[in-house]
């Protein structure tokens, strides 16, 4: 698995070299880089029956950036928006 700035180009490059490749939609969020902040966000999702298949996270000073693959992408986005969690646009994530 990997996060790349140009998924179409990465897909083609890997396919051209005969790698098995899939492109998967994920959700990017940012939250304070303090203990418990991510747990709060994950609780929002769990309480609504949205589970996380996998995630990547990394800190950038006082902000934690998290990329998650939820069990239900649409429901995940709905819950995060309702709870006013900061969503990351793909273009913002590629700049990090």
Protein backbone atom coordinates (compact mmCIF):
# COMPACT_ATOMS: atom_id res chain seq x y z
CA UNK A 1 0.00 0.00 0.00
CA UNK A 2 1.11 3.49 -0.66
CA UNK A 3 -0.09 7.03 -0.87
CA UNK A 4 1.09 8.79 -4.00
CA UNK A 5 0.62 12.27 -5.39
CA UNK A 6 -0.47 11.05 -8.82
CA UNK A 7 -2.46 7.81 -8.47
CA UNK A 8 -3.15 7.42 -12.21
CA UNK A 9 0.51 7.76 -13.09
CA UNK A 10 1.60 5.39 -10.30
CA UNK A 11 -1.03 2.86 -11.36
CA UNK A 12 0.15 2.93 -14.98
CA UNK A 13 3.83 2.73 -14.04
CA UNK A 14 3.25 -0.31 -11.83
CA UNK A 15 0.90 -2.02 -14.30
CA UNK A 16 3.44 -1.47 -17.09
CA UNK A 17 5.94 -3.43 -14.96
CA UNK A 18 3.38 -6.23 -14.43
CA UNK A 19 2.60 -5.53 -10.77
CA UNK A 20 -0.86 -6.34 -9.41
CA UNK A 21 -2.33 -2.92 -8.59
CA UNK A 22 -5.56 -1.60 -7.10
CA UNK A 23 -6.59 1.97 -6.40
CA UNK A 24 -8.60 2.35 -3.19
CA UNK A 25 -10.50 5.37 -1.95
CA UNK A 26 -9.54 6.56 1.53
CA UNK A 27 -10.42 9.46 3.82
CA UNK A 28 -7.86 11.95 5.13
CA UNK A 29 -8.38 13.84 8.38
CA UNK A 30 -6.36 16.13 10.58
CA UNK A 31 -6.69 16.51 14.32
CA UNK A 32 -4.65 17.96 17.16
CA UNK A 33 -1.46 16.03 17.86
CA UNK A 34 -2.38 15.40 21.49
CA UNK A 35 -3.19 12.20 23.38
CA UNK A 36 -6.77 11.08 22.86
CA UNK A 37 -7.61 13.27 19.84
CA UNK A 38 -7.59 10.41 17.33
CA UNK A 39 -9.37 8.10 19.78
CA UNK A 40 -12.22 10.63 19.93
CA UNK A 41 -12.56 10.66 16.14
CA UNK A 42 -12.42 6.87 15.94
CA UNK A 43 -15.12 6.64 18.64
CA UNK A 44 -17.40 8.83 16.49
CA UNK A 45 -17.02 6.31 13.68
CA UNK A 46 -17.31 3.21 15.84
CA UNK A 47 -20.47 4.53 17.50
CA UNK A 48 -22.03 4.78 14.02
CA UNK A 49 -20.90 1.31 12.93
CA UNK A 50 -18.09 2.52 10.68
CA UNK A 51 -14.99 0.45 11.20
CA UNK A 52 -11.45 1.01 10.02
CA UNK A 53 -9.84 -1.58 7.76
CA UNK A 54 -6.45 0.14 8.00
CA UNK A 55 -4.94 3.56 8.54
CA UNK A 56 -1.75 5.55 8.20
CA UNK A 57 -0.91 8.44 10.47
CA UNK A 58 1.87 10.94 10.83
CA UNK A 59 2.43 14.11 12.80
CA UNK A 60 3.35 17.50 11.42
CA UNK A 61 4.18 19.64 14.48
CA UNK A 62 0.91 20.18 16.39
CA UNK A 63 -1.29 18.46 13.82
CA UNK A 64 -1.78 14.73 13.30
CA UNK A 65 -2.70 13.70 9.78
CA UNK A 66 -4.51 10.41 9.39
CA UNK A 67 -5.50 8.47 6.29
CA UNK A 68 -8.14 5.83 6.93
CA UNK A 69 -9.79 3.12 4.88
CA UNK A 70 -13.26 2.82 6.40
CA UNK A 71 -15.67 -0.08 5.98
CA UNK A 72 -18.23 2.37 4.57
CA UNK A 73 -16.69 5.38 2.84
CA UNK A 74 -19.89 7.41 2.42
CA UNK A 75 -21.05 6.86 6.00
CA UNK A 76 -17.57 7.72 7.27
CA UNK A 77 -17.55 11.06 5.47
CA UNK A 78 -21.09 11.80 6.65
CA UNK A 79 -20.18 11.13 10.31
CA UNK A 80 -16.94 13.12 10.14
CA UNK A 81 -18.69 16.11 8.57
CA UNK A 82 -21.48 15.94 11.15
CA UNK A 83 -18.92 15.89 13.97
CA UNK A 84 -16.99 18.73 12.31
CA UNK A 85 -13.77 16.74 11.94
CA UNK A 86 -11.24 18.43 9.62
CA UNK A 87 -11.18 16.49 6.36
CA UNK A 88 -8.12 16.64 4.13
CA UNK A 89 -8.52 17.10 0.41
CA UNK A 90 -6.30 14.86 -1.69
CA UNK A 91 -4.51 17.96 -2.99
CA UNK A 92 -3.71 19.01 0.59
CA UNK A 93 -2.52 15.56 1.54
CA UNK A 94 -0.17 15.40 -1.45
CA UNK A 95 1.54 18.58 -0.22
CA UNK A 96 2.46 17.09 3.17
